[in-house]
Amino acid sequence: MLRLGIVLLAITTLGVATLAWSQGFTFTLGSPVAAQDFQFKSAAFVFRTEGCPEPDKVQVSSTAEGLVSGERRSLTAKVMPTSKAGVFAIPQTWPAEGKWVVILKGACGSQTAGALVPVGPRGFQREAAKLFPRPATSGEIDAALKALTEGGKQ
């Protein structure tokens, strides 16, 4: 009976470790208050990196793709680290007019993550955001912008 208990414990431990490893590196999106840092209260949104054993070594970048008066625009979006390792803020540095999607790219060692985050006049649209285990493709970015201009959600 003791051997059976040890075997079950080993299987359970292996299962939990496999599940944690399989989830890999990703982003979690939140409102600016989620950063718990007064300095970022006016950010468009914040995000946390998950699944990186060394969150202080995460590399992230961001761009904003938008349609303003029917013309496509692309801007570098600023990524600002907060006081907590692995937590970043995206201040709105793009024009208020138009439809915008913020593209996040991240790396933790050999693992990558990506996200498409629509931002409207009332802030970021968490329910319409898309998370990927890799950077978003140009086709996915185009589809996200098209969904915004058609008034729908992605």
N, C-alpha and C. Protein backbone atom coordinates (compact mmCIF):
# COMPACT_ATOMS: atom_id res chain seq x y z
N MET A 1 0.82 -1.19 0.00
CA MET A 1 0.00 0.00 0.00
C MET A 1 0.86 1.26 0.00
N LEU A 2 1.98 1.22 0.73
CA LEU A 2 2.88 2.36 0.77
C LEU A 2 3.49 2.62 -0.60
N ARG A 3 3.84 1.55 -1.33
CA ARG A 3 4.40 1.71 -2.67
C ARG A 3 3.38 2.36 -3.61
N LEU A 4 2.13 1.95 -3.50
CA LEU A 4 1.08 2.53 -4.33
C LEU A 4 0.95 4.02 -4.06
N GLY A 5 1.02 4.42 -2.79
CA GLY A 5 0.94 5.83 -2.42
C GLY A 5 2.11 6.62 -3.00
N ILE A 6 3.31 6.05 -2.96
CA ILE A 6 4.50 6.72 -3.50
C ILE A 6 4.38 6.87 -5.01
N VAL A 7 3.90 5.81 -5.68
CA VAL A 7 3.73 5.86 -7.13
C VAL A 7 2.70 6.92 -7.50
N LEU A 8 1.58 6.97 -6.78
CA LEU A 8 0.56 7.97 -7.07
C LEU A 8 1.09 9.39 -6.83
N LEU A 9 1.87 9.57 -5.76
CA LEU A 9 2.45 10.87 -5.48
C LEU A 9 3.41 11.27 -6.61
N ALA A 10 4.22 10.34 -7.08
CA ALA A 10 5.16 10.63 -8.16
C ALA A 10 4.42 10.99 -9.44
N ILE A 11 3.36 10.27 -9.76
CA ILE A 11 2.58 10.55 -10.96
C ILE A 11 1.92 11.92 -10.86
N THR A 12 1.35 12.22 -9.70
CA THR A 12 0.71 13.52 -9.50
C THR A 12 1.72 14.65 -9.62
N THR A 13 2.88 14.49 -9.00
CA THR A 13 3.93 15.52 -9.07
C THR A 13 4.39 15.71 -10.50
N LEU A 14 4.59 14.63 -11.23
CA LEU A 14 5.00 14.71 -12.62
C LEU A 14 3.93 15.40 -13.46
N GLY A 15 2.67 15.09 -13.20
CA GLY A 15 1.56 15.71 -13.94
C GLY A 15 1.50 17.20 -13.72
N VAL A 16 1.66 17.64 -12.47
CA VAL A 16 1.63 19.07 -12.17
C VAL A 16 2.82 19.77 -12.81
N ALA A 17 4.00 19.17 -12.74
CA ALA A 17 5.19 19.77 -13.35
C ALA A 17 5.03 19.86 -14.87
N THR A 18 4.47 18.83 -15.48
CA THR A 18 4.25 18.84 -16.93
C THR A 18 3.26 19.93 -17.31
N LEU A 19 2.18 20.07 -16.53
CA LEU A 19 1.18 21.10 -16.81
C LEU A 19 1.81 22.48 -16.71
N ALA A 20 2.60 22.73 -15.66
CA ALA A 20 3.23 24.04 -15.50
C ALA A 20 4.20 24.31 -16.65
N TRP A 21 4.96 23.31 -17.07
CA TRP A 21 5.91 23.50 -18.15
C TRP A 21 5.19 23.71 -19.47
N SER A 22 4.09 22.98 -19.69
CA SER A 22 3.39 23.08 -20.97
C SER A 22 2.70 24.43 -21.15
N GLN A 23 2.39 25.12 -20.06
CA GLN A 23 1.75 26.42 -20.19
C GLN A 23 2.73 27.44 -20.75
N GLY A 24 4.00 27.31 -20.46
CA GLY A 24 5.04 28.12 -21.06
C GLY A 24 4.93 29.61 -20.77
N PHE A 25 5.66 30.34 -21.54
CA PHE A 25 5.77 31.78 -21.41
C PHE A 25 4.58 32.45 -22.07
N THR A 26 3.93 33.37 -21.37
CA THR A 26 2.75 34.05 -21.90
C THR A 26 2.57 35.40 -21.21
N PHE A 27 1.57 36.13 -21.66
CA PHE A 27 1.21 37.42 -21.08
C PHE A 27 -0.15 37.32 -20.40
N THR A 28 -0.34 38.12 -19.36
CA THR A 28 -1.64 38.32 -18.73
C THR A 28 -1.91 39.82 -18.76
N LEU A 29 -3.05 40.22 -19.31
CA LEU A 29 -3.40 41.63 -19.47
C LEU A 29 -4.22 42.14 -18.29
N GLY A 30 -4.04 43.42 -17.97
CA GLY A 30 -4.82 44.00 -16.89
C GLY A 30 -4.99 45.50 -17.05
N SER A 31 -5.90 46.04 -16.25
CA SER A 31 -6.09 47.49 -16.24
C SER A 31 -4.91 48.13 -15.51
N PRO A 32 -4.70 49.41 -15.69
CA PRO A 32 -3.55 50.08 -15.05
C PRO A 32 -3.47 49.89 -13.54
N VAL A 33 -4.60 49.78 -12.86
CA VAL A 33 -4.55 49.59 -11.40
C VAL A 33 -3.94 48.25 -11.02
N ALA A 34 -3.92 47.28 -11.94
CA ALA A 34 -3.35 45.97 -11.65
C ALA A 34 -1.84 46.05 -11.40
N ALA A 35 -1.20 47.10 -11.88
CA ALA A 35 0.25 47.26 -11.66
C ALA A 35 0.54 47.61 -10.21
N GLN A 36 -0.46 48.09 -9.50
CA GLN A 36 -0.31 48.54 -8.11
C GLN A 36 0.85 49.54 -7.99
N ASP A 37 0.91 50.44 -8.96
CA ASP A 37 1.97 51.43 -9.01
C ASP A 37 1.34 52.74 -9.50
N PHE A 38 1.26 53.72 -8.63
CA PHE A 38 0.59 54.99 -8.93
C PHE A 38 1.14 55.64 -10.19
N GLN A 39 2.42 55.45 -10.46
CA GLN A 39 3.07 56.06 -11.62
C GLN A 39 2.41 55.66 -12.94
N PHE A 40 1.76 54.51 -12.99
CA PHE A 40 1.21 53.99 -14.24
C PHE A 40 -0.32 54.02 -14.29
N LYS A 41 -0.94 54.81 -13.43
CA LYS A 41 -2.41 54.81 -13.37
C LYS A 41 -3.07 55.30 -14.66
N SER A 42 -2.35 56.07 -15.47
CA SER A 42 -2.94 56.57 -16.71
C SER A 42 -2.50 55.77 -17.94
N ALA A 43 -1.84 54.63 -17.74
CA ALA A 43 -1.41 53.79 -18.87
C ALA A 43 -2.63 53.25 -19.61
N ALA A 44 -2.45 52.89 -20.87
CA ALA A 44 -3.53 52.28 -21.64
C ALA A 44 -3.90 50.92 -21.04
N PHE A 45 -2.88 50.15 -20.65
CA PHE A 45 -3.07 48.87 -19.96
C PHE A 45 -1.72 48.42 -19.42
N VAL A 46 -1.75 47.39 -18.60
CA VAL A 46 -0.52 46.78 -18.10
C VAL A 46 -0.57 45.30 -18.45
N PHE A 47 0.59 44.67 -18.41
CA PHE A 47 0.63 43.23 -18.61
C PHE A 47 1.72 42.61 -17.75
N ARG A 48 1.50 41.36 -17.42
CA ARG A 48 2.43 40.59 -16.62
C ARG A 48 2.93 39.44 -17.48
N THR A 49 4.20 39.12 -17.36
CA THR A 49 4.71 37.94 -18.04
C THR A 49 4.57 36.75 -17.09
N GLU A 50 4.20 35.62 -17.63
CA GLU A 50 4.00 34.41 -16.84
C GLU A 50 4.85 33.30 -17.44
N GLY A 51 5.34 32.41 -16.61
CA GLY A 51 6.03 31.23 -17.09
C GLY A 51 7.50 31.41 -17.39
N CYS A 52 8.09 32.51 -16.95
CA CYS A 52 9.53 32.73 -17.15
C CYS A 52 10.22 32.57 -15.80
N PRO A 53 11.15 31.64 -15.68
CA PRO A 53 11.80 31.43 -14.39
C PRO A 53 12.63 32.63 -13.92
N GLU A 54 13.03 33.49 -14.84
CA GLU A 54 13.79 34.68 -14.49
C GLU A 54 13.09 35.91 -15.07
N PRO A 55 12.01 36.40 -14.41
CA PRO A 55 11.23 37.50 -14.97
C PRO A 55 12.02 38.78 -15.21
N ASP A 56 13.13 38.98 -14.52
CA ASP A 56 13.92 40.18 -14.74
C ASP A 56 14.73 40.12 -16.03
N LYS A 57 14.76 38.95 -16.69
CA LYS A 57 15.48 38.80 -17.95
C LYS A 57 14.55 38.76 -19.17
N VAL A 58 13.26 38.96 -18.95
CA VAL A 58 12.30 38.98 -20.05
C VAL A 58 12.58 40.16 -20.97
N GLN A 59 12.46 39.92 -22.26
CA GLN A 59 12.61 40.99 -23.25
C GLN A 59 11.25 41.20 -23.91
N VAL A 60 10.76 42.44 -23.91
CA VAL A 60 9.47 42.74 -24.52
C VAL A 60 9.59 43.97 -25.41
N SER A 61 8.76 43.98 -26.45
CA SER A 61 8.66 45.15 -27.32
C SER A 61 7.21 45.28 -27.75
N SER A 62 6.89 46.45 -28.27
CA SER A 62 5.50 46.70 -28.64
C SER A 62 5.41 47.72 -29.76
N THR A 63 4.42 47.54 -30.61
CA THR A 63 4.08 48.52 -31.63
C THR A 63 2.58 48.76 -31.59
N ALA A 64 2.16 49.87 -32.11
CA ALA A 64 0.74 50.18 -32.25
C ALA A 64 0.45 50.30 -33.74
N GLU A 65 -0.50 49.52 -34.22
CA GLU A 65 -0.93 49.57 -35.61
C GLU A 65 -2.33 50.16 -35.62
N GLY A 66 -2.53 51.14 -36.47
CA GLY A 66 -3.83 51.77 -36.48
C GLY A 66 -4.29 52.21 -37.84
N LEU A 67 -5.58 52.54 -37.89
CA LEU A 67 -6.18 53.13 -39.08
C LEU A 67 -6.73 54.49 -38.66
N VAL A 68 -6.15 55.55 -39.23
CA VAL A 68 -6.57 56.91 -38.92
C VAL A 68 -7.02 57.55 -40.23
N SER A 69 -8.28 57.94 -40.29
CA SER A 69 -8.85 58.53 -41.51
C SER A 69 -8.60 57.64 -42.73
N GLY A 70 -8.72 56.35 -42.54
CA GLY A 70 -8.56 55.40 -43.64
C GLY A 70 -7.12 55.05 -43.98
N GLU A 71 -6.14 55.66 -43.31
CA GLU A 71 -4.74 55.39 -43.60
C GLU A 71 -4.12 54.54 -42.49
N ARG A 72 -3.33 53.55 -42.89
CA ARG A 72 -2.65 52.69 -41.94
C ARG A 72 -1.46 53.42 -41.34
N ARG A 73 -1.33 53.33 -40.02
CA ARG A 73 -0.21 53.96 -39.31
C ARG A 73 0.44 52.92 -38.41
N SER A 74 1.73 53.03 -38.26
CA SER A 74 2.49 52.13 -37.39
C SER A 74 3.43 52.96 -36.53
N LEU A 75 3.35 52.76 -35.22
CA LEU A 75 4.18 53.51 -34.28
C LEU A 75 4.79 52.56 -33.27
N THR A 76 5.96 52.91 -32.79
CA THR A 76 6.53 52.15 -31.68
C THR A 76 5.77 52.53 -30.43
N ALA A 77 5.29 51.53 -29.71
CA ALA A 77 4.60 51.78 -28.44
C ALA A 77 5.62 51.56 -27.33
N LYS A 78 5.63 52.44 -26.40
CA LYS A 78 6.59 52.39 -25.31
C LYS A 78 6.20 51.30 -24.32
N VAL A 79 7.18 50.50 -23.90
CA VAL A 79 6.99 49.48 -22.87
C VAL A 79 7.76 49.95 -21.64
N MET A 80 7.04 50.16 -20.55
CA MET A 80 7.66 50.68 -19.34
C MET A 80 7.62 49.64 -18.23
N PRO A 81 8.79 49.24 -17.72
CA PRO A 81 8.78 48.30 -16.60
C PRO A 81 8.24 48.98 -15.35
N THR A 82 7.48 48.25 -14.57
CA THR A 82 6.98 48.78 -13.30
C THR A 82 7.95 48.37 -12.19
N SER A 83 7.59 48.65 -10.97
CA SER A 83 8.45 48.30 -9.84
C SER A 83 8.47 46.81 -9.55
N LYS A 84 7.57 46.06 -10.17
CA LYS A 84 7.51 44.61 -9.97
C LYS A 84 8.12 43.89 -11.18
N ALA A 85 9.01 42.94 -10.93
CA ALA A 85 9.66 42.19 -12.01
C ALA A 85 8.61 41.48 -12.85
N GLY A 86 8.72 41.60 -14.15
CA GLY A 86 7.81 40.91 -15.06
C GLY A 86 6.49 41.62 -15.30
N VAL A 87 6.32 42.83 -14.76
CA VAL A 87 5.10 43.60 -14.94
C VAL A 87 5.46 44.89 -15.69
N PHE A 88 4.71 45.16 -16.77
CA PHE A 88 5.01 46.29 -17.65
C PHE A 88 3.75 47.10 -17.94
N ALA A 89 3.95 48.38 -18.20
CA ALA A 89 2.84 49.27 -18.56
C ALA A 89 3.04 49.74 -20.00
N ILE A 90 1.93 49.94 -20.69
CA ILE A 90 1.93 50.50 -22.03
C ILE A 90 1.18 51.83 -21.97
N PRO A 91 1.91 52.95 -21.95
CA PRO A 91 1.22 54.24 -21.99
C PRO A 91 0.70 54.51 -23.39
N GLN A 92 -0.37 55.25 -23.49
CA GLN A 92 -0.92 55.56 -24.82
C GLN A 92 -0.10 56.67 -25.44
N THR A 93 0.73 56.30 -26.42
CA THR A 93 1.57 57.25 -27.13
C THR A 93 1.09 57.46 -28.56
N TRP A 94 0.02 56.78 -28.94
CA TRP A 94 -0.56 56.90 -30.27
C TRP A 94 -1.71 57.90 -30.22
N PRO A 95 -2.10 58.45 -31.35
CA PRO A 95 -3.18 59.44 -31.38
C PRO A 95 -4.51 58.86 -30.87
N ALA A 96 -5.32 59.72 -30.29
CA ALA A 96 -6.62 59.29 -29.78
C ALA A 96 -7.60 58.95 -30.90
N GLU A 97 -7.43 59.58 -32.05
CA GLU A 97 -8.35 59.29 -33.16
C GLU A 97 -7.92 58.00 -33.86
N GLY A 98 -8.87 57.37 -34.49
CA GLY A 98 -8.60 56.15 -35.24
C GLY A 98 -8.85 54.89 -34.42
N LYS A 99 -8.57 53.77 -35.05
CA LYS A 99 -8.71 52.45 -34.43
C LYS A 99 -7.31 51.86 -34.29
N TRP A 100 -6.98 51.32 -33.11
CA TRP A 100 -5.62 50.88 -32.84
C TRP A 100 -5.57 49.48 -32.23
N VAL A 101 -4.53 48.75 -32.60
CA VAL A 101 -4.22 47.46 -32.00
C VAL A 101 -2.77 47.53 -31.53
N VAL A 102 -2.54 47.20 -30.27
CA VAL A 102 -1.18 47.16 -29.75
C VAL A 102 -0.67 45.73 -29.88
N ILE A 103 0.50 45.59 -30.45
CA ILE A 103 1.11 44.27 -30.67
C ILE A 103 2.24 44.10 -29.67
N LEU A 104 2.14 43.09 -28.81
CA LEU A 104 3.18 42.77 -27.85
C LEU A 104 3.99 41.59 -28.36
N LYS A 105 5.30 41.66 -28.18
CA LYS A 105 6.21 40.56 -28.48
C LYS A 105 7.10 40.38 -27.28
N GLY A 106 7.30 39.13 -26.88
CA GLY A 106 8.16 38.88 -25.73
C GLY A 106 8.99 37.63 -25.91
N ALA A 107 10.09 37.59 -25.16
CA ALA A 107 10.97 36.43 -25.18
C ALA A 107 11.50 36.17 -23.78
N CYS A 108 11.57 34.90 -23.45
CA CYS A 108 12.16 34.42 -22.22
C CYS A 108 13.06 33.27 -22.63
N GLY A 109 14.34 33.54 -22.78
CA GLY A 109 15.23 32.51 -23.32
C GLY A 109 14.78 32.14 -24.72
N SER A 110 14.52 30.87 -24.96
CA SER A 110 14.09 30.43 -26.29
C SER A 110 12.57 30.45 -26.45
N GLN A 111 11.83 30.74 -25.39
CA GLN A 111 10.37 30.80 -25.46
C GLN A 111 9.92 32.19 -25.92
N THR A 112 8.84 32.22 -26.68
CA THR A 112 8.30 33.50 -27.14
C THR A 112 6.81 33.59 -26.81
N ALA A 113 6.31 34.80 -26.84
CA ALA A 113 4.89 35.05 -26.63
C ALA A 113 4.50 36.28 -27.43
N GLY A 114 3.23 36.38 -27.77
CA GLY A 114 2.73 37.53 -28.49
C GLY A 114 1.30 37.82 -28.08
N ALA A 115 0.86 39.03 -28.36
CA ALA A 115 -0.52 39.42 -28.06
C ALA A 115 -0.94 40.54 -28.99
N LEU A 116 -2.23 40.55 -29.29
CA LEU A 116 -2.88 41.64 -30.03
C LEU A 116 -3.90 42.22 -29.08
N VAL A 117 -3.76 43.50 -28.78
CA VAL A 117 -4.62 44.15 -27.79
C VAL A 117 -5.31 45.35 -28.44
N PRO A 118 -6.61 45.21 -28.77
CA PRO A 118 -7.34 46.35 -29.32
C PRO A 118 -7.53 47.43 -28.26
N VAL A 119 -7.35 48.69 -28.68
CA VAL A 119 -7.53 49.82 -27.77
C VAL A 119 -8.51 50.78 -28.42
N GLY A 120 -9.59 51.06 -27.70
CA GLY A 120 -10.60 51.98 -28.20
C GLY A 120 -10.69 53.22 -27.36
N PRO A 121 -11.69 54.04 -27.61
CA PRO A 121 -11.83 55.30 -26.88
C PRO A 121 -12.05 55.10 -25.38
N ARG A 122 -12.54 53.93 -24.99
CA ARG A 122 -12.78 53.65 -23.57
C ARG A 122 -11.71 52.73 -22.98
N GLY A 123 -10.57 52.61 -23.67
CA GLY A 123 -9.48 51.81 -23.13
C GLY A 123 -9.28 50.50 -23.89
N PHE A 124 -8.45 49.67 -23.32
CA PHE A 124 -8.14 48.41 -23.99
C PHE A 124 -9.31 47.44 -23.87
N GLN A 125 -9.46 46.58 -24.85
CA GLN A 125 -10.59 45.65 -24.91
C GLN A 125 -10.09 44.25 -24.58
N ARG A 126 -10.07 43.94 -23.29
CA ARG A 126 -9.53 42.66 -22.82
C ARG A 126 -10.21 41.46 -23.48
N GLU A 127 -11.54 41.52 -23.61
CA GLU A 127 -12.27 40.38 -24.17
C GLU A 127 -11.98 40.15 -25.65
N ALA A 128 -11.47 41.16 -26.33
CA ALA A 128 -11.15 41.02 -27.76
C ALA A 128 -9.65 40.76 -27.99
N ALA A 129 -8.86 40.79 -26.93
CA ALA A 129 -7.42 40.56 -27.07
C ALA A 129 -7.15 39.11 -27.42
N LYS A 130 -6.07 38.90 -28.13
CA LYS A 130 -5.65 37.55 -28.52
C LYS A 130 -4.23 37.33 -28.04
N LEU A 131 -4.01 36.18 -27.39
CA LEU A 131 -2.69 35.80 -26.89
C LEU A 131 -2.16 34.64 -27.71
N PHE A 132 -0.85 34.65 -27.97
CA PHE A 132 -0.22 33.63 -28.79
C PHE A 132 1.05 33.10 -28.12
N PRO A 133 1.44 31.86 -28.40
CA PRO A 133 2.70 31.33 -27.89
C PRO A 133 3.88 31.70 -28.82
N ARG A 134 3.70 32.76 -29.58
CA ARG A 134 4.66 33.22 -30.58
C ARG A 134 4.27 34.64 -30.95
N PRO A 135 5.10 35.37 -31.67
CA PRO A 135 4.67 36.70 -32.13
C PRO A 135 3.49 36.57 -33.11
N ALA A 136 2.61 37.55 -33.11
CA ALA A 136 1.48 37.56 -34.03
C ALA A 136 1.97 37.72 -35.46
N THR A 137 1.27 37.10 -36.39
CA THR A 137 1.63 37.21 -37.80
C THR A 137 1.03 38.49 -38.38
N SER A 138 1.53 38.92 -39.52
CA SER A 138 0.98 40.11 -40.17
C SER A 138 -0.48 39.89 -40.56
N GLY A 139 -0.84 38.67 -40.94
CA GLY A 139 -2.23 38.35 -41.26
C GLY A 139 -3.14 38.49 -40.04
N GLU A 140 -2.66 38.07 -38.88
CA GLU A 140 -3.45 38.20 -37.65
C GLU A 140 -3.60 39.67 -37.26
N ILE A 141 -2.55 40.45 -37.47
CA ILE A 141 -2.63 41.89 -37.18
C ILE A 141 -3.63 42.56 -38.11
N ASP A 142 -3.57 42.24 -39.40
CA ASP A 142 -4.52 42.79 -40.37
C ASP A 142 -5.95 42.42 -40.01
N ALA A 143 -6.17 41.16 -39.61
CA ALA A 143 -7.52 40.71 -39.24
C ALA A 143 -8.02 41.45 -38.00
N ALA A 144 -7.13 41.71 -37.04
CA ALA A 144 -7.52 42.44 -35.83
C ALA A 144 -7.94 43.86 -36.16
N LEU A 145 -7.19 44.53 -37.04
CA LEU A 145 -7.56 45.89 -37.46
C LEU A 145 -8.87 45.88 -38.23
N LYS A 146 -9.04 44.91 -39.11
CA LYS A 146 -10.27 44.81 -39.88
C LYS A 146 -11.48 44.62 -38.96
N ALA A 147 -11.33 43.77 -37.94
CA ALA A 147 -12.43 43.55 -37.00
C ALA A 147 -12.79 44.83 -36.28
N LEU A 148 -11.81 45.65 -35.94
CA LEU A 148 -12.08 46.92 -35.27
C LEU A 148 -12.80 47.90 -36.18
N THR A 149 -12.36 47.96 -37.43
CA THR A 149 -12.98 48.93 -38.35
C THR A 149 -14.40 48.52 -38.76
N GLU A 150 -14.69 47.23 -38.64
CA GLU A 150 -16.05 46.76 -38.94
C GLU A 150 -16.95 46.86 -37.73
N GLY A 151 -16.37 47.33 -36.61
CA GLY A 151 -17.17 47.53 -35.41
C GLY A 151 -17.36 46.27 -34.60
N GLY A 152 -16.81 45.18 -35.04
CA GLY A 152 -16.96 43.93 -34.31
C GLY A 152 -15.80 43.69 -33.40
N LYS A 153 -15.91 42.60 -32.69
CA LYS A 153 -14.82 42.18 -31.81
C LYS A 153 -14.13 41.02 -32.48
N GLN A 154 -12.86 40.86 -32.14
CA GLN A 154 -12.07 39.81 -32.77
C GLN A 154 -12.45 38.46 -32.23
